[in-house]
Amino acid sequence: MKFEYEEFSTIEEFFLYLVSVAPYMKQVLPASSYKGYVFSILPLTPVSGDILMMIYARGSMEPGLIEFDISTKKYKTVTSVERADKNYFVILKPKIATIADSAIKEIENSSKN
């Protein structure tokens, strides 16, 4: 398995990127908070799954539903999906994530070089 990466300076920029590449009318997207990274891993080769893109920002978030406003580039925790003009993220905090572990290991090894 090969990883490609896109790192963003802030969690807001990370959300903005995911909103821009999400399928049209996809209002709720998953993201993970794990080992100091907020990220989403997307397949670049959908059929084989050999190349994965990890889009991330360094940081941490609590699990739950996040409402993101593109115009202000701000997010907040909410209890339900309420507005069609907002985008929502379900933040997951896995206990173990082996694919993420591999990607994080590669990121951290490359930053040491």
C-alpha atoms as a PDB file:
ATOM      1  CA  MET A   1       0.000   0.000   0.000  1.00  0.00           C
ATOM      2  CA  LYS A   2       1.325   3.433  -0.959  1.00  0.00           C
ATOM      3  CA  PHE A   3       0.376   6.720   0.679  1.00  0.00           C
ATOM      4  CA  GLU A   4       0.218  10.229  -0.699  1.00  0.00           C
ATOM      5  CA  TYR A   5      -0.310  13.178   1.631  1.00  0.00           C
ATOM      6  CA  GLU A   6      -1.783  16.650   1.781  1.00  0.00           C
ATOM      7  CA  GLU A   7      -1.083  18.508   5.008  1.00  0.00           C
ATOM      8  CA  PHE A   8      -3.020  21.622   5.957  1.00  0.00           C
ATOM      9  CA  SER A   9      -1.973  24.264   8.475  1.00  0.00           C
ATOM     10  CA  THR A  10      -5.302  24.301  10.298  1.00  0.00           C
ATOM     11  CA  ILE A  11      -8.276  22.054  10.898  1.00  0.00           C
ATOM     12  CA  GLU A  12     -10.449  24.693   9.178  1.00  0.00           C
ATOM     13  CA  GLU A  13      -8.360  24.382   5.984  1.00  0.00           C
ATOM     14  CA  PHE A  14      -8.661  20.597   6.232  1.00  0.00           C
ATOM     15  CA  PHE A  15     -12.474  20.896   6.418  1.00  0.00           C
ATOM     16  CA  LEU A  16     -12.513  23.368   3.519  1.00  0.00           C
ATOM     17  CA  TYR A  17     -10.562  20.936   1.335  1.00  0.00           C
ATOM     18  CA  LEU A  18     -12.848  18.006   2.137  1.00  0.00           C
ATOM     19  CA  VAL A  19     -15.955  20.063   1.408  1.00  0.00           C
ATOM     20  CA  SER A  20     -14.530  21.093  -1.958  1.00  0.00           C
ATOM     21  CA  VAL A  21     -13.803  17.506  -3.077  1.00  0.00           C
ATOM     22  CA  ALA A  22     -16.927  15.885  -1.620  1.00  0.00           C
ATOM     23  CA  PRO A  23     -19.484  14.499  -4.028  1.00  0.00           C
ATOM     24  CA  TYR A  24     -22.249  16.984  -4.831  1.00  0.00           C
ATOM     25  CA  MET A  25     -25.002  17.001  -2.200  1.00  0.00           C
ATOM     26  CA  LYS A  26     -22.928  14.983   0.257  1.00  0.00           C
ATOM     27  CA  GLN A  27     -23.668  16.916   3.417  1.00  0.00           C
ATOM     28  CA  VAL A  28     -22.180  14.675   6.126  1.00  0.00           C
ATOM     29  CA  LEU A  29     -18.584  13.477   5.844  1.00  0.00           C
ATOM     30  CA  PRO A  30     -16.487  11.349   8.196  1.00  0.00           C
ATOM     31  CA  ALA A  31     -13.154  12.471   9.641  1.00  0.00           C
ATOM     32  CA  SER A  32     -10.955  10.868  12.285  1.00  0.00           C
ATOM     33  CA  SER A  33      -9.031  12.259  15.221  1.00  0.00           C
ATOM     34  CA  TYR A  34      -6.189   9.914  16.090  1.00  0.00           C
ATOM     35  CA  LYS A  35      -2.691  10.238  17.543  1.00  0.00           C
ATOM     36  CA  GLY A  36      -2.477  14.015  17.113  1.00  0.00           C
ATOM     37  CA  TYR A  37      -3.934  14.163  13.603  1.00  0.00           C
ATOM     38  CA  VAL A  38      -7.362  15.055  12.244  1.00  0.00           C
ATOM     39  CA  PHE A  39      -7.613  13.289   8.893  1.00  0.00           C
ATOM     40  CA  SER A  40      -9.481  11.488   6.195  1.00  0.00           C
ATOM     41  CA  ILE A  41      -7.985   8.714   4.069  1.00  0.00           C
ATOM     42  CA  LEU A  42      -9.281   8.500   0.515  1.00  0.00           C
ATOM     43  CA  PRO A  43      -8.486   5.892  -2.144  1.00  0.00           C
ATOM     44  CA  LEU A  44      -6.773   7.350  -5.216  1.00  0.00           C
ATOM     45  CA  THR A  45      -7.121   4.036  -7.023  1.00  0.00           C
ATOM     46  CA  PRO A  46     -10.713   3.026  -6.193  1.00  0.00           C
ATOM     47  CA  VAL A  47     -10.611  -0.372  -7.885  1.00  0.00           C
ATOM     48  CA  SER A  48      -7.386  -1.721  -6.386  1.00  0.00           C
ATOM     49  CA  GLY A  49      -7.016   0.538  -3.351  1.00  0.00           C
ATOM     50  CA  ASP A  50      -3.229   0.447  -3.782  1.00  0.00           C
ATOM     51  CA  ILE A  51      -2.722   4.206  -3.404  1.00  0.00           C
ATOM     52  CA  LEU A  52      -4.352   6.080  -0.532  1.00  0.00           C
ATOM     53  CA  MET A  53      -4.377   9.847   0.020  1.00  0.00           C
ATOM     54  CA  MET A  54      -4.235  11.028   3.615  1.00  0.00           C
ATOM     55  CA  ILE A  55      -5.567  14.566   3.942  1.00  0.00           C
ATOM     56  CA  TYR A  56      -4.761  15.917   7.383  1.00  0.00           C
ATOM     57  CA  ALA A  57      -4.029  18.678   9.824  1.00  0.00           C
ATOM     58  CA  ARG A  58      -2.162  18.235  13.057  1.00  0.00           C
ATOM     59  CA  GLY A  59      -4.441  18.504  16.052  1.00  0.00           C
ATOM     60  CA  SER A  60      -7.129  16.710  17.958  1.00  0.00           C
ATOM     61  CA  MET A  61     -10.903  16.863  18.168  1.00  0.00           C
ATOM     62  CA  GLU A  62     -13.485  15.229  20.354  1.00  0.00           C
ATOM     63  CA  PRO A  63     -15.868  12.746  18.705  1.00  0.00           C
ATOM     64  CA  GLY A  64     -19.218  14.093  17.588  1.00  0.00           C
ATOM     65  CA  LEU A  65     -21.022  16.077  14.936  1.00  0.00           C
ATOM     66  CA  ILE A  66     -19.364  19.254  13.635  1.00  0.00           C
ATOM     67  CA  GLU A  67     -21.078  21.962  11.593  1.00  0.00           C
ATOM     68  CA  PHE A  68     -18.730  23.766   9.208  1.00  0.00           C
ATOM     69  CA  ASP A  69     -19.543  27.116   7.589  1.00  0.00           C
ATOM     70  CA  ILE A  70     -17.589  27.648   4.361  1.00  0.00           C
ATOM     71  CA  SER A  71     -18.153  31.411   4.287  1.00  0.00           C
ATOM     72  CA  THR A  72     -16.638  32.048   7.730  1.00  0.00           C
ATOM     73  CA  LYS A  73     -14.331  28.987   7.756  1.00  0.00           C
ATOM     74  CA  LYS A  74     -15.485  28.203  11.301  1.00  0.00           C
ATOM     75  CA  TYR A  75     -16.806  25.043  12.882  1.00  0.00           C
ATOM     76  CA  LYS A  76     -18.781  24.187  15.988  1.00  0.00           C
ATOM     77  CA  THR A  77     -20.132  21.100  17.706  1.00  0.00           C
ATOM     78  CA  VAL A  78     -23.844  20.509  17.108  1.00  0.00           C
ATOM     79  CA  THR A  79     -26.369  17.836  18.053  1.00  0.00           C
ATOM     80  CA  SER A  80     -28.055  17.386  14.665  1.00  0.00           C
ATOM     81  CA  VAL A  81     -27.869  18.216  10.957  1.00  0.00           C
ATOM     82  CA  GLU A  82     -30.040  21.298  10.766  1.00  0.00           C
ATOM     83  CA  ARG A  83     -29.129  23.444   7.763  1.00  0.00           C
ATOM     84  CA  ALA A  84     -28.754  22.687   4.083  1.00  0.00           C
ATOM     85  CA  ASP A  85     -26.292  25.580   3.614  1.00  0.00           C
ATOM     86  CA  LYS A  86     -23.765  24.070   6.054  1.00  0.00           C
ATOM     87  CA  ASN A  87     -21.532  21.044   5.804  1.00  0.00           C
ATOM     88  CA  TYR A  88     -21.234  18.509   8.575  1.00  0.00           C
ATOM     89  CA  PHE A  89     -18.496  16.174   9.709  1.00  0.00           C
ATOM     90  CA  VAL A  90     -18.790  13.192  11.991  1.00  0.00           C
ATOM     91  CA  ILE A  91     -15.584  13.133  14.004  1.00  0.00           C
ATOM     92  CA  LEU A  92     -14.573   9.603  14.928  1.00  0.00           C
ATOM     93  CA  LYS A  93     -11.892   8.744  17.454  1.00  0.00           C
ATOM     94  CA  PRO A  94     -10.813   5.161  16.743  1.00  0.00           C
ATOM     95  CA  LYS A  95      -9.136   3.108  19.429  1.00  0.00           C
ATOM     96  CA  ILE A  96      -6.978   1.339  16.812  1.00  0.00           C
ATOM     97  CA  ALA A  97      -6.551   2.303  13.140  1.00  0.00           C
ATOM     98  CA  THR A  98      -3.941   0.183  11.389  1.00  0.00           C
ATOM     99  CA  ILE A  99      -4.069   2.007   8.035  1.00  0.00           C
ATOM    100  CA  ALA A 100      -3.746   5.338   9.853  1.00  0.00           C
ATOM    101  CA  ASP A 101      -0.876   3.934  11.930  1.00  0.00           C
ATOM    102  CA  SER A 102       1.003   3.070   8.729  1.00  0.00           C
ATOM    103  CA  ALA A 103       0.357   6.498   7.196  1.00  0.00           C
ATOM    104  CA  ILE A 104       1.324   8.356  10.397  1.00  0.00           C
ATOM    105  CA  LYS A 105       4.516   6.315  10.692  1.00  0.00           C
ATOM    106  CA  GLU A 106       5.459   7.319   7.127  1.00  0.00           C
ATOM    107  CA  ILE A 107       4.705  11.008   7.824  1.00  0.00           C
ATOM    108  CA  GLU A 108       6.747  11.033  11.010  1.00  0.00           C
ATOM    109  CA  ASN A 109       9.669   9.169   9.428  1.00  0.00           C
ATOM    110  CA  SER A 110       9.762  11.564   6.469  1.00  0.00           C
ATOM    111  CA  SER A 111       9.743  14.629   8.758  1.00  0.00           C
ATOM    112  CA  LYS A 112      12.844  13.281  10.570  1.00  0.00           C
ATOM    113  CA  ASN A 113      14.812  13.243   7.305  1.00  0.00           C
END
